[in-house]
Full PDB file with SEQRES, HELIX, SHEET, SSBOND, CRYST1, ORIGX, SCALE, CONECT and MASTER records, all heavy atoms in Angstrom:
SEQRES   1 A   38  SER GLU LEU ASP PRO LEU ALA GLN GLN TYR ASN SER ALA          
SEQRES   2 A   38  LEU THR ALA CYS ILE ALA LYS GLN GLN LYS ASP VAL ASN          
SEQRES   3 A   38  ALA ALA CYS THR ALA VAL ALA ALA THR VAL ARG ASP              
HELIX    1 AA1 LEU A    3  ARG A   37  1                                  35    
CRYST1    1.000    1.000    1.000  90.00  90.00  90.00 P 1           1          
ORIGX1      1.000000  0.000000  0.000000        0.00000                         
ORIGX2      0.000000  1.000000  0.000000        0.00000                         
ORIGX3      0.000000  0.000000  1.000000        0.00000                         
SCALE1      1.000000  0.000000  0.000000        0.00000                         
SCALE2      0.000000  1.000000  0.000000        0.00000                         
SCALE3      0.000000  0.000000  1.000000        0.00000                         
ATOM      1  N   SER A   1       0.817  -1.209  -0.076  1.00  0.00           N  
ATOM      2  CA  SER A   1      -0.033   0.042  -0.014  1.00  0.00           C  
ATOM      3  C   SER A   1       0.852   1.293  -0.016  1.00  0.00           C  
ATOM      4  O   SER A   1       0.356   2.333  -0.516  1.00  0.00           O  
ATOM      5  CB  SER A   1      -0.910   0.009   1.164  1.00  0.00           C  
ATOM      6  OG  SER A   1      -0.126  -0.015   2.397  1.00  0.00           O  
ATOM      7  N   GLU A   2       2.062   1.217   0.611  1.00  0.00           N  
ATOM      8  CA  GLU A   2       2.808   2.472   0.660  1.00  0.00           C  
ATOM      9  C   GLU A   2       4.082   2.353  -0.073  1.00  0.00           C  
ATOM     10  O   GLU A   2       4.586   3.353  -0.746  1.00  0.00           O  
ATOM     11  CB  GLU A   2       3.184   2.642   2.140  1.00  0.00           C  
ATOM     12  CG  GLU A   2       2.038   2.787   3.109  1.00  0.00           C  
ATOM     13  CD  GLU A   2       2.406   3.093   4.531  1.00  0.00           C  
ATOM     14  OE1 GLU A   2       3.452   3.715   4.792  1.00  0.00           O  
ATOM     15  OE2 GLU A   2       1.642   2.734   5.426  1.00  0.00           O  
ATOM     16  N   LEU A   3       4.785   1.234  -0.227  1.00  0.00           N  
ATOM     17  CA  LEU A   3       6.028   1.180  -0.982  1.00  0.00           C  
ATOM     18  C   LEU A   3       5.740   1.014  -2.496  1.00  0.00           C  
ATOM     19  O   LEU A   3       6.457   1.702  -3.208  1.00  0.00           O  
ATOM     20  CB  LEU A   3       6.847   0.021  -0.401  1.00  0.00           C  
ATOM     21  CG  LEU A   3       8.339  -0.091  -1.099  1.00  0.00           C  
ATOM     22  CD1 LEU A   3       9.108   1.100  -0.862  1.00  0.00           C  
ATOM     23  CD2 LEU A   3       8.937  -1.360  -0.554  1.00  0.00           C  
ATOM     24  N   ASP A   4       4.777   0.246  -2.830  1.00  0.00           N  
ATOM     25  CA  ASP A   4       4.446   0.016  -4.246  1.00  0.00           C  
ATOM     26  C   ASP A   4       4.219   1.339  -4.970  1.00  0.00           C  
ATOM     27  O   ASP A   4       4.663   1.539  -6.129  1.00  0.00           O  
ATOM     28  CB  ASP A   4       3.377  -0.962  -4.430  1.00  0.00           C  
ATOM     29  CG  ASP A   4       3.802  -2.447  -4.285  1.00  0.00           C  
ATOM     30  OD1 ASP A   4       5.044  -2.620  -4.155  1.00  0.00           O  
ATOM     31  OD2 ASP A   4       3.068  -3.392  -4.332  1.00  0.00           O  
ATOM     32  N   PRO A   5       3.304   2.288  -4.333  1.00  0.00           N  
ATOM     33  CA  PRO A   5       3.088   3.514  -5.070  1.00  0.00           C  
ATOM     34  C   PRO A   5       4.403   4.338  -5.294  1.00  0.00           C  
ATOM     35  O   PRO A   5       4.616   4.979  -6.317  1.00  0.00           O  
ATOM     36  CB  PRO A   5       2.151   4.249  -4.117  1.00  0.00           C  
ATOM     37  CG  PRO A   5       1.492   3.235  -3.418  1.00  0.00           C  
ATOM     38  CD  PRO A   5       2.431   2.102  -3.206  1.00  0.00           C  
ATOM     39  N   LEU A   6       5.284   4.329  -4.367  1.00  0.00           N  
ATOM     40  CA  LEU A   6       6.619   4.919  -4.488  1.00  0.00           C  
ATOM     41  C   LEU A   6       7.399   4.295  -5.559  1.00  0.00           C  
ATOM     42  O   LEU A   6       8.098   5.033  -6.407  1.00  0.00           O  
ATOM     43  CB  LEU A   6       7.414   4.968  -3.175  1.00  0.00           C  
ATOM     44  CG  LEU A   6       6.748   5.800  -2.059  1.00  0.00           C  
ATOM     45  CD1 LEU A   6       7.660   5.633  -0.711  1.00  0.00           C  
ATOM     46  CD2 LEU A   6       6.518   7.283  -2.475  1.00  0.00           C  
ATOM     47  N   ALA A   7       7.393   2.908  -5.593  1.00  0.00           N  
ATOM     48  CA  ALA A   7       8.045   2.257  -6.652  1.00  0.00           C  
ATOM     49  C   ALA A   7       7.488   2.554  -8.065  1.00  0.00           C  
ATOM     50  O   ALA A   7       8.202   2.710  -9.007  1.00  0.00           O  
ATOM     51  CB  ALA A   7       8.077   0.726  -6.445  1.00  0.00           C  
ATOM     52  N   GLN A   8       6.188   2.642  -8.133  1.00  0.00           N  
ATOM     53  CA  GLN A   8       5.546   3.052  -9.310  1.00  0.00           C  
ATOM     54  C   GLN A   8       5.932   4.393  -9.866  1.00  0.00           C  
ATOM     55  O   GLN A   8       6.096   4.650 -11.047  1.00  0.00           O  
ATOM     56  CB  GLN A   8       4.001   2.767  -9.208  1.00  0.00           C  
ATOM     57  CG  GLN A   8       3.549   1.383  -9.042  1.00  0.00           C  
ATOM     58  CD  GLN A   8       2.044   1.237  -8.786  1.00  0.00           C  
ATOM     59  OE1 GLN A   8       1.350   2.159  -8.857  1.00  0.00           O  
ATOM     60  NE2 GLN A   8       1.563  -0.064  -8.586  1.00  0.00           N  
ATOM     61  N   GLN A   9       5.955   5.265  -8.877  1.00  0.00           N  
ATOM     62  CA  GLN A   9       6.438   6.749  -9.177  1.00  0.00           C  
ATOM     63  C   GLN A   9       7.815   6.718  -9.846  1.00  0.00           C  
ATOM     64  O   GLN A   9       8.012   7.343 -10.777  1.00  0.00           O  
ATOM     65  CB  GLN A   9       6.318   7.626  -7.988  1.00  0.00           C  
ATOM     66  CG  GLN A   9       4.897   7.820  -7.474  1.00  0.00           C  
ATOM     67  CD  GLN A   9       4.865   8.800  -6.338  1.00  0.00           C  
ATOM     68  OE1 GLN A   9       5.912   9.243  -5.903  1.00  0.00           O  
ATOM     69  NE2 GLN A   9       3.623   8.901  -5.678  1.00  0.00           N  
ATOM     70  N   TYR A  10       8.696   5.870  -9.097  1.00  0.00           N  
ATOM     71  CA  TYR A  10       9.999   5.798  -9.590  1.00  0.00           C  
ATOM     72  C   TYR A  10      10.083   5.191 -11.003  1.00  0.00           C  
ATOM     73  O   TYR A  10      10.724   5.732 -11.903  1.00  0.00           O  
ATOM     74  CB  TYR A  10      10.717   4.904  -8.623  1.00  0.00           C  
ATOM     75  CG  TYR A  10      12.177   4.532  -8.935  1.00  0.00           C  
ATOM     76  CD1 TYR A  10      13.047   5.494  -9.541  1.00  0.00           C  
ATOM     77  CD2 TYR A  10      12.793   3.318  -8.607  1.00  0.00           C  
ATOM     78  CE1 TYR A  10      14.456   5.240  -9.924  1.00  0.00           C  
ATOM     79  CE2 TYR A  10      14.111   3.155  -8.811  1.00  0.00           C  
ATOM     80  CZ  TYR A  10      14.921   3.966  -9.449  1.00  0.00           C  
ATOM     81  OH  TYR A  10      16.230   3.723  -9.754  1.00  0.00           O  
ATOM     82  N   ASN A  11       9.261   4.089 -11.228  1.00  0.00           N  
ATOM     83  CA  ASN A  11       9.235   3.392 -12.448  1.00  0.00           C  
ATOM     84  C   ASN A  11       8.607   4.364 -13.651  1.00  0.00           C  
ATOM     85  O   ASN A  11       9.147   4.344 -14.776  1.00  0.00           O  
ATOM     86  CB  ASN A  11       8.457   2.172 -12.482  1.00  0.00           C  
ATOM     87  CG  ASN A  11       9.164   1.041 -11.612  1.00  0.00           C  
ATOM     88  OD1 ASN A  11      10.308   1.017 -11.488  1.00  0.00           O  
ATOM     89  ND2 ASN A  11       8.309   0.168 -11.050  1.00  0.00           N  
ATOM     90  N   SER A  12       7.580   5.093 -13.158  1.00  0.00           N  
ATOM     91  CA  SER A  12       6.954   6.074 -14.106  1.00  0.00           C  
ATOM     92  C   SER A  12       7.918   7.253 -14.486  1.00  0.00           C  
ATOM     93  O   SER A  12       7.924   7.555 -15.703  1.00  0.00           O  
ATOM     94  CB  SER A  12       5.709   6.610 -13.460  1.00  0.00           C  
ATOM     95  OG  SER A  12       4.783   5.684 -13.139  1.00  0.00           O  
ATOM     96  N   ALA A  13       8.767   7.606 -13.556  1.00  0.00           N  
ATOM     97  CA  ALA A  13       9.741   8.699 -13.895  1.00  0.00           C  
ATOM     98  C   ALA A  13      10.813   8.118 -14.905  1.00  0.00           C  
ATOM     99  O   ALA A  13      11.139   8.782 -15.892  1.00  0.00           O  
ATOM    100  CB  ALA A  13      10.439   9.094 -12.624  1.00  0.00           C  
ATOM    101  N   LEU A  14      11.223   6.895 -14.624  1.00  0.00           N  
ATOM    102  CA  LEU A  14      12.133   6.226 -15.540  1.00  0.00           C  
ATOM    103  C   LEU A  14      11.491   6.061 -16.987  1.00  0.00           C  
ATOM    104  O   LEU A  14      12.051   6.233 -18.033  1.00  0.00           O  
ATOM    105  CB  LEU A  14      12.582   4.884 -15.100  1.00  0.00           C  
ATOM    106  CG  LEU A  14      13.590   4.982 -13.930  1.00  0.00           C  
ATOM    107  CD1 LEU A  14      13.864   3.572 -13.272  1.00  0.00           C  
ATOM    108  CD2 LEU A  14      15.007   5.490 -14.302  1.00  0.00           C  
ATOM    109  N   THR A  15      10.206   5.597 -16.993  1.00  0.00           N  
ATOM    110  CA  THR A  15       9.458   5.421 -18.224  1.00  0.00           C  
ATOM    111  C   THR A  15       9.259   6.641 -18.999  1.00  0.00           C  
ATOM    112  O   THR A  15       9.361   6.720 -20.166  1.00  0.00           O  
ATOM    113  CB  THR A  15       8.120   4.737 -17.917  1.00  0.00           C  
ATOM    114  OG1 THR A  15       8.324   3.513 -17.202  1.00  0.00           O  
ATOM    115  CG2 THR A  15       7.388   4.479 -19.207  1.00  0.00           C  
ATOM    116  N   ALA A  16       9.116   7.818 -18.327  1.00  0.00           N  
ATOM    117  CA  ALA A  16       8.918   9.091 -18.902  1.00  0.00           C  
ATOM    118  C   ALA A  16      10.223   9.508 -19.601  1.00  0.00           C  
ATOM    119  O   ALA A  16      10.216  10.005 -20.640  1.00  0.00           O  
ATOM    120  CB  ALA A  16       8.494  10.197 -17.879  1.00  0.00           C  
ATOM    121  N   CYS A  17      11.337   9.193 -18.908  1.00  0.00           N  
ATOM    122  CA  CYS A  17      12.650   9.604 -19.631  1.00  0.00           C  
ATOM    123  C   CYS A  17      12.893   8.626 -20.811  1.00  0.00           C  
ATOM    124  O   CYS A  17      13.409   9.124 -21.866  1.00  0.00           O  
ATOM    125  CB  CYS A  17      13.771   9.245 -18.605  1.00  0.00           C  
ATOM    126  SG  CYS A  17      13.882  10.495 -17.243  1.00  0.00           S  
ATOM    127  N   ILE A  18      12.466   7.380 -20.679  1.00  0.00           N  
ATOM    128  CA  ILE A  18      12.620   6.409 -21.885  1.00  0.00           C  
ATOM    129  C   ILE A  18      11.770   6.899 -23.111  1.00  0.00           C  
ATOM    130  O   ILE A  18      12.185   6.907 -24.213  1.00  0.00           O  
ATOM    131  CB  ILE A  18      12.268   5.028 -21.537  1.00  0.00           C  
ATOM    132  CG1 ILE A  18      13.254   4.417 -20.478  1.00  0.00           C  
ATOM    133  CG2 ILE A  18      12.243   4.168 -22.705  1.00  0.00           C  
ATOM    134  CD1 ILE A  18      12.776   3.185 -19.902  1.00  0.00           C  
ATOM    135  N   ALA A  19      10.498   7.367 -22.721  1.00  0.00           N  
ATOM    136  CA  ALA A  19       9.589   7.821 -23.745  1.00  0.00           C  
ATOM    137  C   ALA A  19      10.088   9.110 -24.400  1.00  0.00           C  
ATOM    138  O   ALA A  19      10.015   9.262 -25.705  1.00  0.00           O  
ATOM    139  CB  ALA A  19       8.247   8.121 -23.214  1.00  0.00           C  
ATOM    140  N   LYS A  20      10.751   9.904 -23.591  1.00  0.00           N  
ATOM    141  CA  LYS A  20      11.318  11.136 -24.157  1.00  0.00           C  
ATOM    142  C   LYS A  20      12.401  10.740 -25.204  1.00  0.00           C  
ATOM    143  O   LYS A  20      12.462  11.449 -26.298  1.00  0.00           O  
ATOM    144  CB  LYS A  20      11.824  12.035 -22.992  1.00  0.00           C  
ATOM    145  CG  LYS A  20      11.994  13.504 -23.399  1.00  0.00           C  
ATOM    146  CD  LYS A  20      13.377  13.747 -24.022  1.00  0.00           C  
ATOM    147  CE  LYS A  20      13.639  15.305 -24.387  1.00  0.00           C  
ATOM    148  NZ  LYS A  20      14.791  15.393 -25.109  1.00  0.00           N  
ATOM    149  N   GLN A  21      13.331   9.907 -24.759  1.00  0.00           N  
ATOM    150  CA  GLN A  21      14.369   9.536 -25.700  1.00  0.00           C  
ATOM    151  C   GLN A  21      13.796   8.716 -26.950  1.00  0.00           C  
ATOM    152  O   GLN A  21      14.414   8.959 -28.078  1.00  0.00           O  
ATOM    153  CB  GLN A  21      15.389   8.585 -24.931  1.00  0.00           C  
ATOM    154  CG  GLN A  21      16.162   9.214 -23.803  1.00  0.00           C  
ATOM    155  CD  GLN A  21      16.829  10.407 -24.270  1.00  0.00           C  
ATOM    156  OE1 GLN A  21      17.486  10.455 -25.337  1.00  0.00           O  
ATOM    157  NE2 GLN A  21      16.818  11.495 -23.476  1.00  0.00           N  
ATOM    158  N   GLN A  22      12.825   7.924 -26.840  1.00  0.00           N  
ATOM    159  CA  GLN A  22      12.187   7.347 -27.902  1.00  0.00           C  
ATOM    160  C   GLN A  22      11.610   8.382 -28.934  1.00  0.00           C  
ATOM    161  O   GLN A  22      11.658   8.243 -30.129  1.00  0.00           O  
ATOM    162  CB  GLN A  22      11.182   6.261 -27.487  1.00  0.00           C  
ATOM    163  CG  GLN A  22      11.665   5.045 -26.830  1.00  0.00           C  
ATOM    164  CD  GLN A  22      10.587   4.107 -26.281  1.00  0.00           C  
ATOM    165  OE1 GLN A  22       9.500   4.563 -26.048  1.00  0.00           O  
ATOM    166  NE2 GLN A  22      10.960   2.882 -26.183  1.00  0.00           N  
ATOM    167  N   LYS A  23      10.933   9.412 -28.303  1.00  0.00           N  
ATOM    168  CA  LYS A  23      10.501  10.500 -29.060  1.00  0.00           C  
ATOM    169  C   LYS A  23      11.529  11.175 -29.917  1.00  0.00           C  
ATOM    170  O   LYS A  23      11.520  11.487 -31.083  1.00  0.00           O  
ATOM    171  CB  LYS A  23       9.858  11.558 -28.216  1.00  0.00           C  
ATOM    172  CG  LYS A  23       9.130  12.702 -28.935  1.00  0.00           C  
ATOM    173  CD  LYS A  23       8.400  13.549 -27.932  1.00  0.00           C  
ATOM    174  CE  LYS A  23       7.826  14.784 -28.682  1.00  0.00           C  
ATOM    175  NZ  LYS A  23       7.125  15.667 -27.711  1.00  0.00           N  
ATOM    176  N   ASP A  24      12.707  11.378 -29.238  1.00  0.00           N  
ATOM    177  CA  ASP A  24      13.902  11.958 -29.791  1.00  0.00           C  
ATOM    178  C   ASP A  24      14.371  11.105 -31.019  1.00  0.00           C  
ATOM    179  O   ASP A  24      14.728  11.603 -32.230  1.00  0.00           O  
ATOM    180  CB  ASP A  24      14.995  12.219 -28.887  1.00  0.00           C  
ATOM    181  CG  ASP A  24      14.673  13.329 -27.891  1.00  0.00           C  
ATOM    182  OD1 ASP A  24      13.783  14.069 -28.212  1.00  0.00           O  
ATOM    183  OD2 ASP A  24      15.404  13.376 -26.894  1.00  0.00           O  
ATOM    184  N   VAL A  25      14.354   9.718 -30.851  1.00  0.00           N  
ATOM    185  CA  VAL A  25      14.810   8.791 -31.938  1.00  0.00           C  
ATOM    186  C   VAL A  25      13.876   8.979 -33.069  1.00  0.00           C  
ATOM    187  O   VAL A  25      14.278   9.040 -34.240  1.00  0.00           O  
ATOM    188  CB  VAL A  25      14.847   7.408 -31.371  1.00  0.00           C  
ATOM    189  CG1 VAL A  25      15.009   6.507 -32.533  1.00  0.00           C  
ATOM    190  CG2 VAL A  25      15.861   7.251 -30.337  1.00  0.00           C  
ATOM    191  N   ASN A  26      12.477   9.001 -32.704  1.00  0.00           N  
ATOM    192  CA  ASN A  26      11.535   9.152 -33.860  1.00  0.00           C  
ATOM    193  C   ASN A  26      11.757  10.445 -34.622  1.00  0.00           C  
ATOM    194  O   ASN A  26      11.526  10.505 -35.860  1.00  0.00           O  
ATOM    195  CB  ASN A  26      10.119   9.032 -33.379  1.00  0.00           C  
ATOM    196  CG  ASN A  26       9.812   7.689 -32.726  1.00  0.00           C  
ATOM    197  OD1 ASN A  26      10.431   6.621 -33.170  1.00  0.00           O  
ATOM    198  ND2 ASN A  26       8.836   7.523 -31.818  1.00  0.00           N  
ATOM    199  N   ALA A  27      11.912  11.518 -33.824  1.00  0.00           N  
ATOM    200  CA  ALA A  27      12.093  12.786 -34.487  1.00  0.00           C  
ATOM    201  C   ALA A  27      13.372  12.800 -35.347  1.00  0.00           C  
ATOM    202  O   ALA A  27      13.361  13.405 -36.407  1.00  0.00           O  
ATOM    203  CB  ALA A  27      12.154  13.902 -33.481  1.00  0.00           C  
ATOM    204  N   ALA A  28      14.446  12.277 -34.843  1.00  0.00           N  
ATOM    205  CA  ALA A  28      15.645  12.201 -35.565  1.00  0.00           C  
ATOM    206  C   ALA A  28      15.509  11.302 -36.977  1.00  0.00           C  
ATOM    207  O   ALA A  28      15.908  11.701 -38.087  1.00  0.00           O  
ATOM    208  CB  ALA A  28      16.812  11.516 -34.838  1.00  0.00           C  
ATOM    209  N   CYS A  29      14.793  10.208 -36.796  1.00  0.00           N  
ATOM    210  CA  CYS A  29      14.476   9.413 -37.932  1.00  0.00           C  
ATOM    211  C   CYS A  29      13.683  10.184 -39.000  1.00  0.00           C  
ATOM    212  O   CYS A  29      13.941  10.032 -40.217  1.00  0.00           O  
ATOM    213  CB  CYS A  29      13.881   8.045 -37.608  1.00  0.00           C  
ATOM    214  SG  CYS A  29      14.921   6.945 -36.608  1.00  0.00           S  
ATOM    215  N   THR A  30      12.625  10.924 -38.455  1.00  0.00           N  
ATOM    216  CA  THR A  30      11.712  11.653 -39.455  1.00  0.00           C  
ATOM    217  C   THR A  30      12.586  12.790 -39.998  1.00  0.00           C  
ATOM    218  O   THR A  30      12.422  13.074 -41.233  1.00  0.00           O  
ATOM    219  CB  THR A  30      10.653  12.307 -38.570  1.00  0.00           C  
ATOM    220  OG1 THR A  30       9.886  11.267 -37.975  1.00  0.00           O  
ATOM    221  CG2 THR A  30       9.720  13.113 -39.517  1.00  0.00           C  
ATOM    222  N   ALA A  31      13.487  13.393 -39.219  1.00  0.00           N  
ATOM    223  CA  ALA A  31      14.366  14.416 -39.784  1.00  0.00           C  
ATOM    224  C   ALA A  31      15.353  13.863 -40.923  1.00  0.00           C  
ATOM    225  O   ALA A  31      15.533  14.559 -41.886  1.00  0.00           O  
ATOM    226  CB  ALA A  31      15.108  15.164 -38.762  1.00  0.00           C  
ATOM    227  N   VAL A  32      15.850  12.712 -40.617  1.00  0.00           N  
ATOM    228  CA  VAL A  32      16.798  12.046 -41.571  1.00  0.00           C  
ATOM    229  C   VAL A  32      15.959  11.776 -42.845  1.00  0.00           C  
ATOM    230  O   VAL A  32      16.391  12.020 -43.989  1.00  0.00           O  
ATOM    231  CB  VAL A  32      17.221  10.790 -41.022  1.00  0.00           C  
ATOM    232  CG1 VAL A  32      17.958   9.937 -41.988  1.00  0.00           C  
ATOM    233  CG2 VAL A  32      18.303  11.081 -39.824  1.00  0.00           C  
ATOM    234  N   ALA A  33      14.667  11.245 -42.801  1.00  0.00           N  
ATOM    235  CA  ALA A  33      13.954  10.882 -43.932  1.00  0.00           C  
ATOM    236  C   ALA A  33      13.629  12.211 -44.662  1.00  0.00           C  
ATOM    237  O   ALA A  33      13.694  12.114 -46.004  1.00  0.00           O  
ATOM    238  CB  ALA A  33      12.529  10.207 -43.533  1.00  0.00           C  
ATOM    239  N   ALA A  34      13.246  13.240 -43.963  1.00  0.00           N  
ATOM    240  CA  ALA A  34      12.974  14.535 -44.660  1.00  0.00           C  
ATOM    241  C   ALA A  34      14.238  15.053 -45.352  1.00  0.00           C  
ATOM    242  O   ALA A  34      14.179  15.464 -46.470  1.00  0.00           O  
ATOM    243  CB  ALA A  34      12.482  15.557 -43.690  1.00  0.00           C  
ATOM    244  N   THR A  35      15.283  14.924 -44.654  1.00  0.00           N  
ATOM    245  CA  THR A  35      16.636  15.483 -45.159  1.00  0.00           C  
ATOM    246  C   THR A  35      16.917  14.677 -46.519  1.00  0.00           C  
ATOM    247  O   THR A  35      17.496  15.332 -47.383  1.00  0.00           O  
ATOM    248  CB  THR A  35      17.783  15.295 -44.128  1.00  0.00           C  
ATOM    249  OG1 THR A  35      17.291  16.091 -42.945  1.00  0.00           O  
ATOM    250  CG2 THR A  35      19.044  15.890 -44.709  1.00  0.00           C  
ATOM    251  N   VAL A  36      16.892  13.383 -46.335  1.00  0.00           N  
ATOM    252  CA  VAL A  36      17.174  12.524 -47.590  1.00  0.00           C  
ATOM    253  C   VAL A  36      16.185  12.949 -48.681  1.00  0.00           C  
ATOM    254  O   VAL A  36      16.740  13.056 -49.868  1.00  0.00           O  
ATOM    255  CB  VAL A  36      16.951  11.000 -47.200  1.00  0.00           C  
ATOM    256  CG1 VAL A  36      17.091  10.213 -48.510  1.00  0.00           C  
ATOM    257  CG2 VAL A  36      18.073  10.584 -46.127  1.00  0.00           C  
ATOM    258  N   ARG A  37      14.976  13.100 -48.444  1.00  0.00           N  
ATOM    259  CA  ARG A  37      14.025  13.416 -49.510  1.00  0.00           C  
ATOM    260  C   ARG A  37      14.379  14.821 -50.156  1.00  0.00           C  
ATOM    261  O   ARG A  37      14.450  14.977 -51.308  1.00  0.00           O  
ATOM    262  CB  ARG A  37      12.614  13.540 -48.851  1.00  0.00           C  
ATOM    263  CG  ARG A  37      11.510  13.804 -49.969  1.00  0.00           C  
ATOM    264  CD  ARG A  37      10.147  13.833 -49.346  1.00  0.00           C  
ATOM    265  NE  ARG A  37      10.047  14.886 -48.254  1.00  0.00           N  
ATOM    266  CZ  ARG A  37       9.995  14.768 -47.004  1.00  0.00           C  
ATOM    267  NH1 ARG A  37       9.974  13.446 -46.552  1.00  0.00           N  
ATOM    268  NH2 ARG A  37       9.849  15.678 -46.071  1.00  0.00           N  
ATOM    269  N   ASP A  38      14.679  15.803 -49.173  1.00  0.00           N  
ATOM    270  CA  ASP A  38      14.997  17.133 -49.745  1.00  0.00           C  
ATOM    271  C   ASP A  38      16.279  17.107 -50.500  1.00  0.00           C  
ATOM    272  O   ASP A  38      16.565  17.803 -51.380  1.00  0.00           O  
ATOM    273  CB  ASP A  38      15.127  18.076 -48.506  1.00  0.00           C  
ATOM    274  CG  ASP A  38      13.760  18.366 -47.876  1.00  0.00           C  
ATOM    275  OD1 ASP A  38      12.706  18.074 -48.478  1.00  0.00           O  
ATOM    276  OD2 ASP A  38      13.877  18.877 -46.693  1.00  0.00           O  
TER     277      ASP A  38                                                      
MASTER        0    0    0    1    0    0    0    6  276    1    0    3          
END                                                                             
């Protein structure tokens, strides 16, 4: 009841960082595709 919520917050913070990096990867891939096309 008390430790698991803290663990979930910790995991969620890590997951948010991972999502941000995945977003950067997608943006970079999109930019590469656009650059190649241009």
